[in-house]
Amino acid sequence: MVNNLPDNEIRPLKAKLTERRAVLLEDIRQELIRSDESRFADLAGRVHDAGDESVADLLVDVDTAIVHRHISELRHIEEALRRMSQGGYGYCDTCGERIEAARLSTQPTAIRCLGCQDRYERVAPHGVTPRL
């Protein structure tokens, strides 16, 4: 697929995606460092009562969920950047029509136009977060 948006429309979106990618990579790095430091402190002999252990387990689960969410967003960014370089960026994967400029401005990783995304969300299985 060679149809792509004009460079003057892609350039600011690419800059936005590249900047967000850098932020996510740093956030992931910081979360992993913090997670390692927490595990090291636990291994160093901090004694917890049952309540403290429950809170610590919950925090580890939350940290893991945050990292997974960041990684998922990072994958979507990488896919959008690939589409920009290979062609097809800015066009709906479902109907092939151009994705609205306002939608791409707020959600530059979008793969569907608003109409197709709305239909997708109505038929997507419950509990599954559809990709914007």
C-alpha atoms as a PDB file:
ATOM      1  CA  MET A   1       0.000   0.000   0.000  1.00  0.00           C
ATOM      2  CA  VAL A   2       1.566   3.266  -1.094  1.00  0.00           C
ATOM      3  CA  ASN A   3      -1.164   5.732  -0.193  1.00  0.00           C
ATOM      4  CA  ASN A   4       0.176   7.908   2.568  1.00  0.00           C
ATOM      5  CA  LEU A   5      -0.637  11.327   3.927  1.00  0.00           C
ATOM      6  CA  PRO A   6       1.397  14.277   2.660  1.00  0.00           C
ATOM      7  CA  ASP A   7       4.712  14.916   4.457  1.00  0.00           C
ATOM      8  CA  ASN A   8       3.458  18.196   5.935  1.00  0.00           C
ATOM      9  CA  GLU A   9       0.687  16.246   7.711  1.00  0.00           C
ATOM     10  CA  ILE A  10       2.854  13.278   8.737  1.00  0.00           C
ATOM     11  CA  ARG A  11       5.818  15.276  10.061  1.00  0.00           C
ATOM     12  CA  PRO A  12       4.105  16.672  13.214  1.00  0.00           C
ATOM     13  CA  LEU A  13       2.445  13.319  13.939  1.00  0.00           C
ATOM     14  CA  LYS A  14       5.760  11.504  13.546  1.00  0.00           C
ATOM     15  CA  ALA A  15       7.401  13.990  15.926  1.00  0.00           C
ATOM     16  CA  LYS A  16       4.590  13.430  18.444  1.00  0.00           C
ATOM     17  CA  LEU A  17       4.960   9.642  18.185  1.00  0.00           C
ATOM     18  CA  THR A  18       8.750   9.797  18.458  1.00  0.00           C
ATOM     19  CA  GLU A  19       8.545  12.020  21.529  1.00  0.00           C
ATOM     20  CA  ARG A  20       5.960   9.740  23.178  1.00  0.00           C
ATOM     21  CA  ARG A  21       8.132   6.705  22.379  1.00  0.00           C
ATOM     22  CA  ALA A  22      11.082   8.324  24.190  1.00  0.00           C
ATOM     23  CA  VAL A  23       8.906   9.109  27.219  1.00  0.00           C
ATOM     24  CA  LEU A  24       7.553   5.548  27.339  1.00  0.00           C
ATOM     25  CA  LEU A  25      11.013   4.018  27.080  1.00  0.00           C
ATOM     26  CA  GLU A  26      12.197   6.175  29.984  1.00  0.00           C
ATOM     27  CA  ASP A  27       9.069   5.369  32.025  1.00  0.00           C
ATOM     28  CA  ILE A  28       9.587   1.647  31.435  1.00  0.00           C
ATOM     29  CA  ARG A  29      13.250   1.947  32.407  1.00  0.00           C
ATOM     30  CA  GLN A  30      12.372   3.811  35.608  1.00  0.00           C
ATOM     31  CA  GLU A  31       9.626   1.311  36.522  1.00  0.00           C
ATOM     32  CA  LEU A  32      12.014  -1.608  36.045  1.00  0.00           C
ATOM     33  CA  ILE A  33      14.709   0.087  38.125  1.00  0.00           C
ATOM     34  CA  ARG A  34      12.197   0.868  40.870  1.00  0.00           C
ATOM     35  CA  SER A  35      10.896  -2.695  40.731  1.00  0.00           C
ATOM     36  CA  ASP A  36      14.413  -4.114  41.040  1.00  0.00           C
ATOM     37  CA  GLU A  37      15.162  -1.799  43.978  1.00  0.00           C
ATOM     38  CA  SER A  38      11.971  -2.935  45.730  1.00  0.00           C
ATOM     39  CA  ARG A  39      12.861  -6.594  45.252  1.00  0.00           C
ATOM     40  CA  PHE A  40      16.397  -5.958  46.503  1.00  0.00           C
ATOM     41  CA  ALA A  41      15.053  -4.269  49.639  1.00  0.00           C
ATOM     42  CA  ASP A  42      12.785  -7.271  50.280  1.00  0.00           C
ATOM     43  CA  LEU A  43      15.660  -9.693  49.768  1.00  0.00           C
ATOM     44  CA  ALA A  44      17.835  -7.636  52.111  1.00  0.00           C
ATOM     45  CA  GLY A  45      15.650  -8.708  54.986  1.00  0.00           C
ATOM     46  CA  ARG A  46      12.810  -6.272  55.439  1.00  0.00           C
ATOM     47  CA  VAL A  47      10.225  -8.027  57.583  1.00  0.00           C
ATOM     48  CA  HIS A  48       6.582  -7.520  56.723  1.00  0.00           C
ATOM     49  CA  ASP A  49       3.467  -8.477  58.516  1.00  0.00           C
ATOM     50  CA  ALA A  50       0.664 -10.070  56.499  1.00  0.00           C
ATOM     51  CA  GLY A  51      -0.907  -6.675  55.738  1.00  0.00           C
ATOM     52  CA  ASP A  52       2.380  -5.240  54.505  1.00  0.00           C
ATOM     53  CA  GLU A  53       2.918  -8.261  52.273  1.00  0.00           C
ATOM     54  CA  SER A  54      -0.545  -7.844  50.747  1.00  0.00           C
ATOM     55  CA  VAL A  55       0.135  -4.188  49.999  1.00  0.00           C
ATOM     56  CA  ALA A  56       3.558  -5.053  48.554  1.00  0.00           C
ATOM     57  CA  ASP A  57       2.013  -7.743  46.319  1.00  0.00           C
ATOM     58  CA  LEU A  58      -0.607  -5.287  45.112  1.00  0.00           C
ATOM     59  CA  LEU A  59       2.055  -2.673  44.323  1.00  0.00           C
ATOM     60  CA  VAL A  60       4.103  -5.219  42.358  1.00  0.00           C
ATOM     61  CA  ASP A  61       0.973  -6.166  40.379  1.00  0.00           C
ATOM     62  CA  VAL A  62       0.213  -2.499  39.679  1.00  0.00           C
ATOM     63  CA  ASP A  63       3.828  -1.863  38.618  1.00  0.00           C
ATOM     64  CA  THR A  64       3.703  -4.862  36.294  1.00  0.00           C
ATOM     65  CA  ALA A  65       0.399  -3.699  34.798  1.00  0.00           C
ATOM     66  CA  ILE A  66       1.850  -0.231  34.206  1.00  0.00           C
ATOM     67  CA  VAL A  67       4.880  -1.672  32.401  1.00  0.00           C
ATOM     68  CA  HIS A  68       2.652  -3.928  30.279  1.00  0.00           C
ATOM     69  CA  ARG A  69       0.421  -0.970  29.356  1.00  0.00           C
ATOM     70  CA  HIS A  70       3.486   1.084  28.402  1.00  0.00           C
ATOM     71  CA  ILE A  71       4.853  -1.766  26.295  1.00  0.00           C
ATOM     72  CA  SER A  72       1.516  -2.173  24.518  1.00  0.00           C
ATOM     73  CA  GLU A  73       1.402   1.551  23.722  1.00  0.00           C
ATOM     74  CA  LEU A  74       5.028   1.391  22.563  1.00  0.00           C
ATOM     75  CA  ARG A  75       4.122  -1.411  20.133  1.00  0.00           C
ATOM     76  CA  HIS A  76       1.274   0.672  18.692  1.00  0.00           C
ATOM     77  CA  ILE A  77       3.663   3.595  18.235  1.00  0.00           C
ATOM     78  CA  GLU A  78       6.212   1.387  16.482  1.00  0.00           C
ATOM     79  CA  GLU A  79       3.465   0.076  14.167  1.00  0.00           C
ATOM     80  CA  ALA A  80       2.350   3.625  13.331  1.00  0.00           C
ATOM     81  CA  LEU A  81       5.928   4.698  12.594  1.00  0.00           C
ATOM     82  CA  ARG A  82       6.367   1.636  10.363  1.00  0.00           C
ATOM     83  CA  ARG A  83       3.165   2.498   8.453  1.00  0.00           C
ATOM     84  CA  MET A  84       4.459   6.049   8.024  1.00  0.00           C
ATOM     85  CA  SER A  85       7.672   4.820   6.459  1.00  0.00           C
ATOM     86  CA  GLN A  86       6.154   2.002   4.377  1.00  0.00           C
ATOM     87  CA  GLY A  87       2.904   3.655   3.322  1.00  0.00           C
ATOM     88  CA  GLY A  88      -0.679   3.301   4.426  1.00  0.00           C
ATOM     89  CA  TYR A  89      -0.507   5.537   7.476  1.00  0.00           C
ATOM     90  CA  GLY A  90      -3.632   7.595   8.005  1.00  0.00           C
ATOM     91  CA  TYR A  91      -5.973   5.215   6.206  1.00  0.00           C
ATOM     92  CA  CYS A  92      -8.503   2.954   7.916  1.00  0.00           C
ATOM     93  CA  ASP A  93      -7.520  -0.718   8.070  1.00  0.00           C
ATOM     94  CA  THR A  94     -11.187  -1.668   7.810  1.00  0.00           C
ATOM     95  CA  CYS A  95     -12.703   0.498   5.045  1.00  0.00           C
ATOM     96  CA  GLY A  96      -9.596   2.012   3.460  1.00  0.00           C
ATOM     97  CA  GLU A  97     -10.865   5.586   3.779  1.00  0.00           C
ATOM     98  CA  ARG A  98      -8.727   8.343   5.214  1.00  0.00           C
ATOM     99  CA  ILE A  99      -8.764   8.610   9.010  1.00  0.00           C
ATOM    100  CA  GLU A 100      -9.976  12.009  10.163  1.00  0.00           C
ATOM    101  CA  ALA A 101      -7.167  14.521  10.823  1.00  0.00           C
ATOM    102  CA  ALA A 102      -8.613  15.413  14.232  1.00  0.00           C
ATOM    103  CA  ARG A 103      -8.592  11.729  15.212  1.00  0.00           C
ATOM    104  CA  LEU A 104      -4.972  11.290  14.145  1.00  0.00           C
ATOM    105  CA  SER A 105      -4.027  14.456  16.000  1.00  0.00           C
ATOM    106  CA  THR A 106      -5.421  13.115  19.280  1.00  0.00           C
ATOM    107  CA  GLN A 107      -4.702   9.423  18.604  1.00  0.00           C
ATOM    108  CA  PRO A 108      -1.794   9.185  16.133  1.00  0.00           C
ATOM    109  CA  THR A 109      -1.681   5.383  16.471  1.00  0.00           C
ATOM    110  CA  ALA A 110      -5.287   5.020  15.263  1.00  0.00           C
ATOM    111  CA  ILE A 111      -5.794   2.294  12.669  1.00  0.00           C
ATOM    112  CA  ARG A 112      -9.504   2.871  12.047  1.00  0.00           C
ATOM    113  CA  CYS A 113     -11.691   5.845  11.137  1.00  0.00           C
ATOM    114  CA  LEU A 114     -14.267   6.893  13.747  1.00  0.00           C
ATOM    115  CA  GLY A 115     -17.135   5.007  12.101  1.00  0.00           C
ATOM    116  CA  CYS A 116     -15.241   1.723  11.831  1.00  0.00           C
ATOM    117  CA  GLN A 117     -13.816   2.116  15.348  1.00  0.00           C
ATOM    118  CA  ASP A 118     -17.321   2.675  16.724  1.00  0.00           C
ATOM    119  CA  ARG A 119     -18.591  -0.476  14.983  1.00  0.00           C
ATOM    120  CA  TYR A 120     -15.527  -2.410  16.172  1.00  0.00           C
ATOM    121  CA  GLU A 121     -16.072  -1.399  19.794  1.00  0.00           C
ATOM    122  CA  ARG A 122     -19.736  -2.441  19.658  1.00  0.00           C
ATOM    123  CA  VAL A 123     -18.902  -5.955  18.450  1.00  0.00           C
ATOM    124  CA  ALA A 124     -15.603  -6.490  20.319  1.00  0.00           C
ATOM    125  CA  PRO A 125     -15.840  -9.080  23.090  1.00  0.00           C
ATOM    126  CA  HIS A 126     -16.365  -7.686  26.568  1.00  0.00           C
ATOM    127  CA  GLY A 127     -13.174  -7.290  28.543  1.00  0.00           C
ATOM    128  CA  VAL A 128     -11.101  -6.766  25.407  1.00  0.00           C
ATOM    129  CA  THR A 129      -9.787  -3.258  24.975  1.00  0.00           C
ATOM    130  CA  PRO A 130     -10.069  -2.457  21.290  1.00  0.00           C
ATOM    131  CA  ARG A 131      -7.168  -0.658  19.721  1.00  0.00           C
ATOM    132  CA  LEU A 132      -7.908   2.921  18.792  1.00  0.00           C
END
